[in-house]
Amino acid sequence: MLQPGQRAFWYAFGPRESRRRNVMLIVDSVGHPVRYSDLRGDLRGPNDSSISAANPPGPRTSIALNLLDQSGMLRNAGVGPETPALQVRGPSMLDAANLGTPARMIERILKECARRPG
């Protein structure tokens, strides 16, 4: 849920029926990033009619970062047994290659969305 003055930016990669990545960035009232999430892989939801025993969910990575307190969670699913969520902390998480270097995506979103009105 957005707090007063916050804005959300959402990037979806790929066509709706086969989307492979969704990125969301929440900024505060002056445009500073406060939250970031990145979902990659098989993005079908649990109630998707295309999921079956013959077509089970594929690998999926979920990254959620709270930029205010420099903490976050990473989870991989769909590859063997469920994996536990891993916690990440500190400013280096924004430049972590294993998280897809969130700082680069945040910079891209802010740059591209600053050119758009509203």
PDB file of N, CA and C in Angstrom:
ATOM      1  N   MET A   1       0.832  -1.170   0.000  1.00  0.00           N
ATOM      2  CA  MET A   1       0.000   0.000   0.000  1.00  0.00           C
ATOM      3  C   MET A   1       0.883   1.242   0.000  1.00  0.00           C
ATOM      4  N   LEU A   2       0.525   2.186  -0.850  1.00  0.00           N
ATOM      5  CA  LEU A   2       1.291   3.423  -0.939  1.00  0.00           C
ATOM      6  C   LEU A   2       0.933   4.374   0.197  1.00  0.00           C
ATOM      7  N   GLN A   3       1.937   5.046   0.711  1.00  0.00           N
ATOM      8  CA  GLN A   3       1.733   6.082   1.714  1.00  0.00           C
ATOM      9  C   GLN A   3       1.427   7.393   0.983  1.00  0.00           C
ATOM     10  N   PRO A   4       0.839   8.378   1.667  1.00  0.00           N
ATOM     11  CA  PRO A   4       0.552   9.657   1.005  1.00  0.00           C
ATOM     12  C   PRO A   4       1.803  10.242   0.359  1.00  0.00           C
ATOM     13  N   GLY A   5       1.663  10.655  -0.882  1.00  0.00           N
ATOM     14  CA  GLY A   5       2.764  11.273  -1.623  1.00  0.00           C
ATOM     15  C   GLY A   5       3.648  10.294  -2.373  1.00  0.00           C
ATOM     16  N   GLN A   6       3.553   9.006  -2.081  1.00  0.00           N
ATOM     17  CA  GLN A   6       4.380   8.025  -2.782  1.00  0.00           C
ATOM     18  C   GLN A   6       3.820   7.737  -4.164  1.00  0.00           C
ATOM     19  N   ARG A   7       4.716   7.306  -5.055  1.00  0.00           N
ATOM     20  CA  ARG A   7       4.335   6.897  -6.403  1.00  0.00           C
ATOM     21  C   ARG A   7       4.963   5.541  -6.693  1.00  0.00           C
ATOM     22  N   ALA A   8       4.275   4.759  -7.519  1.00  0.00           N
ATOM     23  CA  ALA A   8       4.774   3.440  -7.908  1.00  0.00           C
ATOM     24  C   ALA A   8       5.034   3.425  -9.401  1.00  0.00           C
ATOM     25  N   PHE A   9       6.147   2.823  -9.784  1.00  0.00           N
ATOM     26  CA  PHE A   9       6.488   2.603 -11.186  1.00  0.00           C
ATOM     27  C   PHE A   9       6.614   1.107 -11.391  1.00  0.00           C
ATOM     28  N   TRP A  10       6.034   0.597 -12.461  1.00  0.00           N
ATOM     29  CA  TRP A  10       6.018  -0.841 -12.713  1.00  0.00           C
ATOM     30  C   TRP A  10       6.503  -1.101 -14.123  1.00  0.00           C
ATOM     31  N   TYR A  11       7.486  -1.961 -14.247  1.00  0.00           N
ATOM     32  CA  TYR A  11       8.005  -2.391 -15.544  1.00  0.00           C
ATOM     33  C   TYR A  11       7.659  -3.857 -15.729  1.00  0.00           C
ATOM     34  N   ALA A  12       7.075  -4.178 -16.869  1.00  0.00           N
ATOM     35  CA  ALA A  12       6.764  -5.561 -17.201  1.00  0.00           C
ATOM     36  C   ALA A  12       7.523  -5.900 -18.475  1.00  0.00           C
ATOM     37  N   PHE A  13       8.259  -6.981 -18.435  1.00  0.00           N
ATOM     38  CA  PHE A  13       9.067  -7.399 -19.575  1.00  0.00           C
ATOM     39  C   PHE A  13       8.418  -8.607 -20.234  1.00  0.00           C
ATOM     40  N   GLY A  14       8.154  -8.499 -21.513  1.00  0.00           N
ATOM     41  CA  GLY A  14       7.552  -9.597 -22.264  1.00  0.00           C
ATOM     42  C   GLY A  14       6.054  -9.416 -22.403  1.00  0.00           C
ATOM     43  N   PRO A  15       5.453 -10.150 -23.330  1.00  0.00           N
ATOM     44  CA  PRO A  15       4.004 -10.058 -23.534  1.00  0.00           C
ATOM     45  C   PRO A  15       3.242 -10.614 -22.334  1.00  0.00           C
ATOM     46  N   ARG A  16       2.036 -10.121 -22.138  1.00  0.00           N
ATOM     47  CA  ARG A  16       1.225 -10.486 -20.974  1.00  0.00           C
ATOM     48  C   ARG A  16       1.148 -11.992 -20.751  1.00  0.00           C
ATOM     49  N   GLU A  17       0.940 -12.756 -21.797  1.00  0.00           N
ATOM     50  CA  GLU A  17       0.749 -14.201 -21.648  1.00  0.00           C
ATOM     51  C   GLU A  17       2.043 -14.963 -21.341  1.00  0.00           C
ATOM     52  N   SER A  18       3.185 -14.334 -21.529  1.00  0.00           N
ATOM     53  CA  SER A  18       4.439 -15.042 -21.248  1.00  0.00           C
ATOM     54  C   SER A  18       5.469 -14.123 -20.581  1.00  0.00           C
ATOM     55  N   ARG A  19       4.984 -13.236 -19.738  1.00  0.00           N
ATOM     56  CA  ARG A  19       5.856 -12.285 -19.058  1.00  0.00           C
ATOM     57  C   ARG A  19       6.918 -13.022 -18.245  1.00  0.00           C
ATOM     58  N   ARG A  20       8.146 -12.540 -18.301  1.00  0.00           N
ATOM     59  CA  ARG A  20       9.254 -13.191 -17.611  1.00  0.00           C
ATOM     60  C   ARG A  20       9.860 -12.342 -16.500  1.00  0.00           C
ATOM     61  N   ARG A  21       9.452 -11.061 -16.413  1.00  0.00           N
ATOM     62  CA  ARG A  21      10.021 -10.218 -15.366  1.00  0.00           C
ATOM     63  C   ARG A  21       9.096  -9.035 -15.095  1.00  0.00           C
ATOM     64  N   ASN A  22       8.877  -8.749 -13.822  1.00  0.00           N
ATOM     65  CA  ASN A  22       8.143  -7.568 -13.362  1.00  0.00           C
ATOM     66  C   ASN A  22       8.999  -6.855 -12.323  1.00  0.00           C
ATOM     67  N   VAL A  23       9.183  -5.565 -12.494  1.00  0.00           N
ATOM     68  CA  VAL A  23       9.948  -4.765 -11.544  1.00  0.00           C
ATOM     69  C   VAL A  23       9.061  -3.623 -11.060  1.00  0.00           C
ATOM     70  N   MET A  24       9.033  -3.405  -9.746  1.00  0.00           N
ATOM     71  CA  MET A  24       8.285  -2.284  -9.195  1.00  0.00           C
ATOM     72  C   MET A  24       9.201  -1.450  -8.310  1.00  0.00           C
ATOM     73  N   LEU A  25       9.057  -0.138  -8.454  1.00  0.00           N
ATOM     74  CA  LEU A  25       9.811   0.810  -7.640  1.00  0.00           C
ATOM     75  C   LEU A  25       8.821   1.774  -7.011  1.00  0.00           C
ATOM     76  N   ILE A  26       8.927   1.960  -5.698  1.00  0.00           N
ATOM     77  CA  ILE A  26       8.114   2.937  -4.974  1.00  0.00           C
ATOM     78  C   ILE A  26       9.043   4.082  -4.595  1.00  0.00           C
ATOM     79  N   VAL A  27       8.608   5.308  -4.892  1.00  0.00           N
ATOM     80  CA  VAL A  27       9.385   6.491  -4.511  1.00  0.00           C
ATOM     81  C   VAL A  27       8.556   7.343  -3.564  1.00  0.00           C
ATOM     82  N   ASP A  28       9.253   8.132  -2.740  1.00  0.00           N
ATOM     83  CA  ASP A  28       8.542   9.006  -1.806  1.00  0.00           C
ATOM     84  C   ASP A  28       8.099  10.282  -2.517  1.00  0.00           C
ATOM     85  N   SER A  29       7.573  11.224  -1.771  1.00  0.00           N
ATOM     86  CA  SER A  29       6.992  12.432  -2.346  1.00  0.00           C
ATOM     87  C   SER A  29       8.005  13.322  -3.068  1.00  0.00           C
ATOM     88  N   VAL A  30       9.289  13.143  -2.780  1.00  0.00           N
ATOM     89  CA  VAL A  30      10.306  13.935  -3.484  1.00  0.00           C
ATOM     90  C   VAL A  30      11.085  13.098  -4.498  1.00  0.00           C
ATOM     91  N   GLY A  31      10.643  11.867  -4.726  1.00  0.00           N
ATOM     92  CA  GLY A  31      11.241  11.026  -5.754  1.00  0.00           C
ATOM     93  C   GLY A  31      12.372  10.128  -5.315  1.00  0.00           C
ATOM     94  N   HIS A  32      12.599  10.007  -4.010  1.00  0.00           N
ATOM     95  CA  HIS A  32      13.643   9.104  -3.518  1.00  0.00           C
ATOM     96  C   HIS A  32      13.094   7.680  -3.436  1.00  0.00           C
ATOM     97  N   PRO A  33      13.827   6.692  -3.951  1.00  0.00           N
ATOM     98  CA  PRO A  33      13.377   5.298  -3.887  1.00  0.00           C
ATOM     99  C   PRO A  33      13.260   4.815  -2.444  1.00  0.00           C
ATOM    100  N   VAL A  34      12.138   4.134  -2.144  1.00  0.00           N
ATOM    101  CA  VAL A  34      11.945   3.594  -0.799  1.00  0.00           C
ATOM    102  C   VAL A  34      11.757   2.079  -0.797  1.00  0.00           C
ATOM    103  N   ARG A  35      11.179   1.521  -1.886  1.00  0.00           N
ATOM    104  CA  ARG A  35      11.010   0.060  -1.976  1.00  0.00           C
ATOM    105  C   ARG A  35      11.218  -0.380  -3.419  1.00  0.00           C
ATOM    106  N   TYR A  36      11.704  -1.620  -3.554  1.00  0.00           N
ATOM    107  CA  TYR A  36      12.006  -2.174  -4.869  1.00  0.00           C
ATOM    108  C   TYR A  36      11.661  -3.653  -4.847  1.00  0.00           C
ATOM    109  N   SER A  37      11.011  -4.116  -5.902  1.00  0.00           N
ATOM    110  CA  SER A  37      10.787  -5.556  -6.016  1.00  0.00           C
ATOM    111  C   SER A  37      11.043  -5.990  -7.449  1.00  0.00           C
ATOM    112  N   ASP A  38      11.507  -7.220  -7.594  1.00  0.00           N
ATOM    113  CA  ASP A  38      11.863  -7.765  -8.901  1.00  0.00           C
ATOM    114  C   ASP A  38      11.461  -9.239  -8.901  1.00  0.00           C
ATOM    115  N   LEU A  39      10.521  -9.589  -9.769  1.00  0.00           N
ATOM    116  CA  LEU A  39      10.078 -10.977  -9.922  1.00  0.00           C
ATOM    117  C   LEU A  39      10.523 -11.448 -11.286  1.00  0.00           C
ATOM    118  N   ARG A  40      11.176 -12.622 -11.333  1.00  0.00           N
ATOM    119  CA  ARG A  40      11.685 -13.156 -12.594  1.00  0.00           C
ATOM    120  C   ARG A  40      11.366 -14.623 -12.719  1.00  0.00           C
ATOM    121  N   GLY A  41      11.208 -15.037 -13.963  1.00  0.00           N
ATOM    122  CA  GLY A  41      10.992 -16.455 -14.235  1.00  0.00           C
ATOM    123  C   GLY A  41       9.556 -16.726 -14.603  1.00  0.00           C
ATOM    124  N   ASP A  42       9.026 -17.831 -14.104  1.00  0.00           N
ATOM    125  CA  ASP A  42       7.644 -18.221 -14.376  1.00  0.00           C
ATOM    126  C   ASP A  42       6.742 -17.412 -13.448  1.00  0.00           C
ATOM    127  N   LEU A  43       6.052 -16.428 -14.002  1.00  0.00           N
ATOM    128  CA  LEU A  43       5.266 -15.505 -13.191  1.00  0.00           C
ATOM    129  C   LEU A  43       3.791 -15.882 -13.101  1.00  0.00           C
ATOM    130  N   ARG A  44       3.452 -17.104 -13.495  1.00  0.00           N
ATOM    131  CA  ARG A  44       2.058 -17.534 -13.373  1.00  0.00           C
ATOM    132  C   ARG A  44       1.677 -17.634 -11.903  1.00  0.00           C
ATOM    133  N   GLY A  45       0.473 -17.187 -11.591  1.00  0.00           N
ATOM    134  CA  GLY A  45      -0.029 -17.258 -10.223  1.00  0.00           C
ATOM    135  C   GLY A  45      -0.522 -18.653  -9.894  1.00  0.00           C
ATOM    136  N   PRO A  46      -0.776 -18.925  -8.615  1.00  0.00           N
ATOM    137  CA  PRO A  46      -1.181 -20.270  -8.198  1.00  0.00           C
ATOM    138  C   PRO A  46      -2.514 -20.723  -8.791  1.00  0.00           C
ATOM    139  N   ASN A  47      -3.364 -19.803  -9.174  1.00  0.00           N
ATOM    140  CA  ASN A  47      -4.672 -20.162  -9.733  1.00  0.00           C
ATOM    141  C   ASN A  47      -4.703 -20.100 -11.261  1.00  0.00           C
ATOM    142  N   ASP A  48      -3.549 -19.982 -11.893  1.00  0.00           N
ATOM    143  CA  ASP A  48      -3.486 -19.904 -13.352  1.00  0.00           C
ATOM    144  C   ASP A  48      -3.931 -21.237 -13.952  1.00  0.00           C
ATOM    145  N   SER A  49      -4.858 -21.191 -14.880  1.00  0.00           N
ATOM    146  CA  SER A  49      -5.407 -22.419 -15.473  1.00  0.00           C
ATOM    147  C   SER A  49      -4.391 -23.186 -16.305  1.00  0.00           C
ATOM    148  N   SER A  50      -3.272 -22.553 -16.678  1.00  0.00           N
ATOM    149  CA  SER A  50      -2.263 -23.261 -17.471  1.00  0.00           C
ATOM    150  C   SER A  50      -1.371 -24.159 -16.609  1.00  0.00           C
ATOM    151  N   ILE A  51      -1.449 -24.023 -15.283  1.00  0.00           N
ATOM    152  CA  ILE A  51      -0.649 -24.862 -14.392  1.00  0.00           C
ATOM    153  C   ILE A  51      -1.338 -26.212 -14.227  1.00  0.00           C
ATOM    154  N   SER A  52      -0.575 -27.271 -14.452  1.00  0.00           N
ATOM    155  CA  SER A  52      -1.094 -28.637 -14.311  1.00  0.00           C
ATOM    156  C   SER A  52       0.068 -29.556 -13.966  1.00  0.00           C
ATOM    157  N   ALA A  53      -0.232 -30.829 -13.759  1.00  0.00           N
ATOM    158  CA  ALA A  53       0.832 -31.798 -13.487  1.00  0.00           C
ATOM    159  C   ALA A  53       1.775 -31.887 -14.683  1.00  0.00           C
ATOM    160  N   ALA A  54       1.230 -31.743 -15.876  1.00  0.00           N
ATOM    161  CA  ALA A  54       2.050 -31.803 -17.088  1.00  0.00           C
ATOM    162  C   ALA A  54       2.766 -30.480 -17.360  1.00  0.00           C
ATOM    163  N   ASN A  55       2.290 -29.382 -16.751  1.00  0.00           N
ATOM    164  CA  ASN A  55       2.868 -28.063 -16.962  1.00  0.00           C
ATOM    165  C   ASN A  55       2.987 -27.340 -15.615  1.00  0.00           C
ATOM    166  N   PRO A  56       3.874 -27.858 -14.732  1.00  0.00           N
ATOM    167  CA  PRO A  56       4.001 -27.263 -13.398  1.00  0.00           C
ATOM    168  C   PRO A  56       4.694 -25.897 -13.473  1.00  0.00           C
ATOM    169  N   PRO A  57       4.591 -25.113 -12.401  1.00  0.00           N
ATOM    170  CA  PRO A  57       5.298 -23.835 -12.382  1.00  0.00           C
ATOM    171  C   PRO A  57       6.795 -24.037 -12.556  1.00  0.00           C
ATOM    172  N   GLY A  58       7.411 -23.152 -13.310  1.00  0.00           N
ATOM    173  CA  GLY A  58       8.855 -23.203 -13.519  1.00  0.00           C
ATOM    174  C   GLY A  58       9.598 -22.378 -12.485  1.00  0.00           C
ATOM    175  N   PRO A  59      10.896 -22.260 -12.633  1.00  0.00           N
ATOM    176  CA  PRO A  59      11.704 -21.496 -11.680  1.00  0.00           C
ATOM    177  C   PRO A  59      11.262 -20.038 -11.610  1.00  0.00           C
ATOM    178  N   ARG A  60      11.365 -19.494 -10.398  1.00  0.00           N
ATOM    179  CA  ARG A  60      10.971 -18.109 -10.157  1.00  0.00           C
ATOM    180  C   ARG A  60      11.874 -17.533  -9.080  1.00  0.00           C
ATOM    181  N   THR A  61      12.300 -16.294  -9.284  1.00  0.00           N
ATOM    182  CA  THR A  61      13.092 -15.571  -8.296  1.00  0.00           C
ATOM    183  C   THR A  61      12.309 -14.346  -7.855  1.00  0.00           C
ATOM    184  N   SER A  62      12.224 -14.135  -6.545  1.00  0.00           N
ATOM    185  CA  SER A  62      11.546 -12.970  -5.977  1.00  0.00           C
ATOM    186  C   SER A  62      12.544 -12.182  -5.144  1.00  0.00           C
ATOM    187  N   ILE A  63      12.648 -10.896  -5.428  1.00  0.00           N
ATOM    188  CA  ILE A  63      13.533 -10.008  -4.679  1.00  0.00           C
ATOM    189  C   ILE A  63      12.690  -8.851  -4.166  1.00  0.00           C
ATOM    190  N   ALA A  64      12.747  -8.577  -2.871  1.00  0.00           N
ATOM    191  CA  ALA A  64      12.020  -7.454  -2.270  1.00  0.00           C
ATOM    192  C   ALA A  64      12.987  -6.699  -1.375  1.00  0.00           C
ATOM    193  N   LEU A  65      13.170  -5.406  -1.663  1.00  0.00           N
ATOM    194  CA  LEU A  65      14.123  -4.597  -0.908  1.00  0.00           C
ATOM    195  C   LEU A  65      13.430  -3.393  -0.277  1.00  0.00           C
ATOM    196  N   ASN A  66      13.715  -3.166   0.990  1.00  0.00           N
ATOM    197  CA  ASN A  66      13.291  -1.951   1.685  1.00  0.00           C
ATOM    198  C   ASN A  66      14.513  -1.049   1.683  1.00  0.00           C
ATOM    199  N   LEU A  67      14.473  -0.010   0.880  1.00  0.00           N
ATOM    200  CA  LEU A  67      15.647   0.834   0.700  1.00  0.00           C
ATOM    201  C   LEU A  67      15.870   1.779   1.875  1.00  0.00           C
ATOM    202  N   LEU A  68      14.838   2.020   2.671  1.00  0.00           N
ATOM    203  CA  LEU A  68      14.986   2.911   3.821  1.00  0.00           C
ATOM    204  C   LEU A  68      15.819   2.281   4.923  1.00  0.00           C
ATOM    205  N   ASP A  69      15.558   1.009   5.200  1.00  0.00           N
ATOM    206  CA  ASP A  69      16.349   0.361   6.259  1.00  0.00           C
ATOM    207  C   ASP A  69      17.411  -0.586   5.704  1.00  0.00           C
ATOM    208  N   GLN A  70      17.628  -0.544   4.384  1.00  0.00           N
ATOM    209  CA  GLN A  70      18.664  -1.330   3.716  1.00  0.00           C
ATOM    210  C   GLN A  70      18.567  -2.812   4.057  1.00  0.00           C
ATOM    211  N   SER A  71      17.353  -3.352   3.878  1.00  0.00           N
ATOM    212  CA  SER A  71      17.159  -4.773   4.119  1.00  0.00           C
ATOM    213  C   SER A  71      16.293  -5.343   3.002  1.00  0.00           C
ATOM    214  N   GLY A  72      16.341  -6.652   2.871  1.00  0.00           N
ATOM    215  CA  GLY A  72      15.519  -7.263   1.852  1.00  0.00           C
ATOM    216  C   GLY A  72      15.508  -8.771   1.959  1.00  0.00           C
ATOM    217  N   MET A  73      14.718  -9.382   1.057  1.00  0.00           N
ATOM    218  CA  MET A  73      14.629 -10.836   1.014  1.00  0.00           C
ATOM    219  C   MET A  73      14.723 -11.304  -0.427  1.00  0.00           C
ATOM    220  N   LEU A  74      15.321 -12.459  -0.578  1.00  0.00           N
ATOM    221  CA  LEU A  74      15.496 -13.115  -1.870  1.00  0.00           C
ATOM    222  C   LEU A  74      14.988 -14.534  -1.725  1.00  0.00           C
ATOM    223  N   ARG A  75      14.221 -14.993  -2.731  1.00  0.00           N
ATOM    224  CA  ARG A  75      13.708 -16.363  -2.669  1.00  0.00           C
ATOM    225  C   ARG A  75      13.673 -16.954  -4.067  1.00  0.00           C
ATOM    226  N   ASN A  76      14.161 -18.159  -4.184  1.00  0.00           N
ATOM    227  CA  ASN A  76      14.078 -18.925  -5.424  1.00  0.00           C
ATOM    228  C   ASN A  76      13.076 -20.046  -5.202  1.00  0.00           C
ATOM    229  N   ALA A  77      12.211 -20.251  -6.189  1.00  0.00           N
ATOM    230  CA  ALA A  77      11.195 -21.304  -6.085  1.00  0.00           C
ATOM    231  C   ALA A  77      11.095 -22.028  -7.417  1.00  0.00           C
ATOM    232  N   GLY A  78      10.508 -23.209  -7.380  1.00  0.00           N
ATOM    233  CA  GLY A  78      10.259 -23.954  -8.601  1.00  0.00           C
ATOM    234  C   GLY A  78      11.410 -24.792  -9.090  1.00  0.00           C
ATOM    235  N   VAL A  79      12.469 -24.873  -8.325  1.00  0.00           N
ATOM    236  CA  VAL A  79      13.608 -25.726  -8.677  1.00  0.00           C
ATOM    237  C   VAL A  79      13.815 -26.680  -7.514  1.00  0.00           C
ATOM    238  N   GLY A  80      13.181 -27.828  -7.588  1.00  0.00           N
ATOM    239  CA  GLY A  80      13.269 -28.786  -6.501  1.00  0.00           C
ATOM    240  C   GLY A  80      12.442 -28.332  -5.318  1.00  0.00           C
ATOM    241  N   PRO A  81      12.808 -28.737  -4.118  1.00  0.00           N
ATOM    242  CA  PRO A  81      12.035 -28.359  -2.930  1.00  0.00           C
ATOM    243  C   PRO A  81      12.086 -26.843  -2.725  1.00  0.00           C
ATOM    244  N   GLU A  82      11.058 -26.318  -2.063  1.00  0.00           N
ATOM    245  CA  GLU A  82      11.029 -24.881  -1.784  1.00  0.00           C
ATOM    246  C   GLU A  82      12.289 -24.471  -1.033  1.00  0.00           C
ATOM    247  N   THR A  83      12.848 -23.351  -1.431  1.00  0.00           N
ATOM    248  CA  THR A  83      14.026 -22.843  -0.745  1.00  0.00           C
ATOM    249  C   THR A  83      13.595 -21.773   0.245  1.00  0.00           C
ATOM    250  N   PRO A  84      14.262 -21.691   1.380  1.00  0.00           N
ATOM    251  CA  PRO A  84      13.900 -20.650   2.338  1.00  0.00           C
ATOM    252  C   PRO A  84      14.293 -19.271   1.796  1.00  0.00           C
ATOM    253  N   ALA A  85      13.626 -18.257   2.290  1.00  0.00           N
ATOM    254  CA  ALA A  85      13.977 -16.893   1.919  1.00  0.00           C
ATOM    255  C   ALA A  85      15.314 -16.539   2.554  1.00  0.00           C
ATOM    256  N   LEU A  86      16.118 -15.820   1.825  1.00  0.00           N
ATOM    257  CA  LEU A  86      17.413 -15.357   2.324  1.00  0.00           C
ATOM    258  C   LEU A  86      17.322 -13.867   2.596  1.00  0.00           C
ATOM    259  N   GLN A  87      17.849 -13.438   3.721  1.00  0.00           N
ATOM    260  CA  GLN A  87      17.850 -12.018   4.040  1.00  0.00           C
ATOM    261  C   GLN A  87      19.116 -11.367   3.519  1.00  0.00           C
ATOM    262  N   VAL A  88      18.956 -10.134   3.041  1.00  0.00           N
ATOM    263  CA  VAL A  88      20.102  -9.328   2.625  1.00  0.00           C
ATOM    264  C   VAL A  88      20.041  -8.013   3.390  1.00  0.00           C
ATOM    265  N   ARG A  89      21.208  -7.465   3.672  1.00  0.00           N
ATOM    266  CA  ARG A  89      21.271  -6.210   4.421  1.00  0.00           C
ATOM    267  C   ARG A  89      22.427  -5.370   3.930  1.00  0.00           C
ATOM    268  N   GLY A  90      22.264  -4.055   4.096  1.00  0.00           N
ATOM    269  CA  GLY A  90      23.337  -3.119   3.836  1.00  0.00           C
ATOM    270  C   GLY A  90      23.262  -2.479   2.461  1.00  0.00           C
ATOM    271  N   PRO A  91      24.010  -1.408   2.298  1.00  0.00           N
ATOM    272  CA  PRO A  91      23.969  -0.658   1.042  1.00  0.00           C
ATOM    273  C   PRO A  91      24.515  -1.432  -0.156  1.00  0.00           C
ATOM    274  N   SER A  92      25.343  -2.448   0.080  1.00  0.00           N
ATOM    275  CA  SER A  92      25.925  -3.201  -1.035  1.00  0.00           C
ATOM    276  C   SER A  92      24.887  -4.027  -1.783  1.00  0.00           C
ATOM    277  N   MET A  93      23.691  -4.232  -1.183  1.00  0.00           N
ATOM    278  CA  MET A  93      22.657  -5.021  -1.860  1.00  0.00           C
ATOM    279  C   MET A  93      22.224  -4.358  -3.167  1.00  0.00           C
ATOM    280  N   LEU A  94      22.355  -3.040  -3.272  1.00  0.00           N
ATOM    281  CA  LEU A  94      21.954  -2.342  -4.490  1.00  0.00           C
ATOM    282  C   LEU A  94      22.887  -2.620  -5.658  1.00  0.00           C
ATOM    283  N   ASP A  95      24.116  -3.009  -5.370  1.00  0.00           N
ATOM    284  CA  ASP A  95      25.088  -3.296  -6.422  1.00  0.00           C
ATOM    285  C   ASP A  95      25.401  -4.784  -6.547  1.00  0.00           C
ATOM    286  N   ALA A  96      24.652  -5.622  -5.834  1.00  0.00           N
ATOM    287  CA  ALA A  96      24.911  -7.059  -5.832  1.00  0.00           C
ATOM    288  C   ALA A  96      24.522  -7.694  -7.168  1.00  0.00           C
ATOM    289  N   ALA A  97      25.481  -8.331  -7.811  1.00  0.00           N
ATOM    290  CA  ALA A  97      25.226  -8.983  -9.100  1.00  0.00           C
ATOM    291  C   ALA A  97      24.211 -10.107  -8.961  1.00  0.00           C
ATOM    292  N   ASN A  98      24.242 -10.838  -7.830  1.00  0.00           N
ATOM    293  CA  ASN A  98      23.298 -11.946  -7.653  1.00  0.00           C
ATOM    294  C   ASN A  98      21.863 -11.458  -7.429  1.00  0.00           C
ATOM    295  N   LEU A  99      21.667 -10.156  -7.232  1.00  0.00           N
ATOM    296  CA  LEU A  99      20.336  -9.565  -7.151  1.00  0.00           C
ATOM    297  C   LEU A  99      19.989  -8.822  -8.443  1.00  0.00           C
ATOM    298  N   GLY A 100      20.875  -8.909  -9.424  1.00  0.00           N
ATOM    299  CA  GLY A 100      20.617  -8.230 -10.700  1.00  0.00           C
ATOM    300  C   GLY A 100      20.971  -6.757 -10.674  1.00  0.00           C
ATOM    301  N   THR A 101      21.861  -6.356  -9.804  1.00  0.00           N
ATOM    302  CA  THR A 101      22.254  -4.954  -9.594  1.00  0.00           C
ATOM    303  C   THR A 101      21.052  -4.007  -9.614  1.00  0.00           C
ATOM    304  N   PRO A 102      20.258  -4.045  -8.535  1.00  0.00           N
ATOM    305  CA  PRO A 102      19.070  -3.197  -8.462  1.00  0.00           C
ATOM    306  C   PRO A 102      19.345  -1.709  -8.718  1.00  0.00           C
ATOM    307  N   ALA A 103      20.517  -1.216  -8.340  1.00  0.00           N
ATOM    308  CA  ALA A 103      20.818   0.205  -8.550  1.00  0.00           C
ATOM    309  C   ALA A 103      20.701   0.585 -10.022  1.00  0.00           C
ATOM    310  N   ARG A 104      21.122  -0.295 -10.911  1.00  0.00           N
ATOM    311  CA  ARG A 104      21.024   0.001 -12.350  1.00  0.00           C
ATOM    312  C   ARG A 104      19.574   0.097 -12.805  1.00  0.00           C
ATOM    313  N   MET A 105      18.748  -0.832 -12.341  1.00  0.00           N
ATOM    314  CA  MET A 105      17.335  -0.809 -12.737  1.00  0.00           C
ATOM    315  C   MET A 105      16.638   0.398 -12.139  1.00  0.00           C
ATOM    316  N   ILE A 106      16.941   0.734 -10.904  1.00  0.00           N
ATOM    317  CA  ILE A 106      16.349   1.916 -10.267  1.00  0.00           C
ATOM    318  C   ILE A 106      16.720   3.160 -11.061  1.00  0.00           C
ATOM    319  N   GLU A 107      17.988   3.276 -11.445  1.00  0.00           N
ATOM    320  CA  GLU A 107      18.444   4.418 -12.240  1.00  0.00           C
ATOM    321  C   GLU A 107      17.691   4.480 -13.573  1.00  0.00           C
ATOM    322  N   ARG A 108      17.525   3.337 -14.215  1.00  0.00           N
ATOM    323  CA  ARG A 108      16.811   3.286 -15.494  1.00  0.00           C
ATOM    324  C   ARG A 108      15.353   3.738 -15.333  1.00  0.00           C
ATOM    325  N   ILE A 109      14.687   3.223 -14.310  1.00  0.00           N
ATOM    326  CA  ILE A 109      13.283   3.586 -14.085  1.00  0.00           C
ATOM    327  C   ILE A 109      13.153   5.084 -13.822  1.00  0.00           C
ATOM    328  N   LEU A 110      13.995   5.608 -12.945  1.00  0.00           N
ATOM    329  CA  LEU A 110      13.919   7.033 -12.618  1.00  0.00           C
ATOM    330  C   LEU A 110      14.211   7.897 -13.846  1.00  0.00           C
ATOM    331  N   LYS A 111      15.187   7.495 -14.638  1.00  0.00           N
ATOM    332  CA  LYS A 111      15.542   8.252 -15.837  1.00  0.00           C
ATOM    333  C   LYS A 111      14.403   8.225 -16.862  1.00  0.00           C
ATOM    334  N   GLU A 112      13.878   7.046 -17.145  1.00  0.00           N
ATOM    335  CA  GLU A 112      12.838   6.930 -18.164  1.00  0.00           C
ATOM    336  C   GLU A 112      11.511   7.523 -17.699  1.00  0.00           C
ATOM    337  N   CYS A 113      11.175   7.381 -16.438  1.00  0.00           N
ATOM    338  CA  CYS A 113       9.893   7.879 -15.961  1.00  0.00           C
ATOM    339  C   CYS A 113       9.920   9.402 -15.741  1.00  0.00           C
ATOM    340  N   ALA A 114      11.096   9.953 -15.532  1.00  0.00           N
ATOM    341  CA  ALA A 114      11.213  11.410 -15.364  1.00  0.00           C
ATOM    342  C   ALA A 114      10.857  12.122 -16.669  1.00  0.00           C
ATOM    343  N   ARG A 115      10.979  11.429 -17.810  1.00  0.00           N
ATOM    344  CA  ARG A 115      10.663  12.042 -19.096  1.00  0.00           C
ATOM    345  C   ARG A 115       9.179  12.026 -19.394  1.00  0.00           C
ATOM    346  N   ARG A 116       8.424  11.267 -18.616  1.00  0.00           N
ATOM    347  CA  ARG A 116       6.990  11.113 -18.880  1.00  0.00           C
ATOM    348  C   ARG A 116       6.187  12.038 -17.969  1.00  0.00           C
ATOM    349  N   PRO A 117       5.158  12.677 -18.503  1.00  0.00           N
ATOM    350  CA  PRO A 117       4.323  13.515 -17.656  1.00  0.00           C
ATOM    351  C   PRO A 117       3.470  12.689 -16.698  1.00  0.00           C
ATOM    352  N   GLY A 118       3.088  13.300 -15.572  1.00  0.00           N
ATOM    353  CA  GLY A 118       2.149  12.689 -14.631  1.00  0.00           C
ATOM    354  C   GLY A 118       2.685  11.557 -13.929  1.00  0.00           C
TER     355      GLY A 118
END
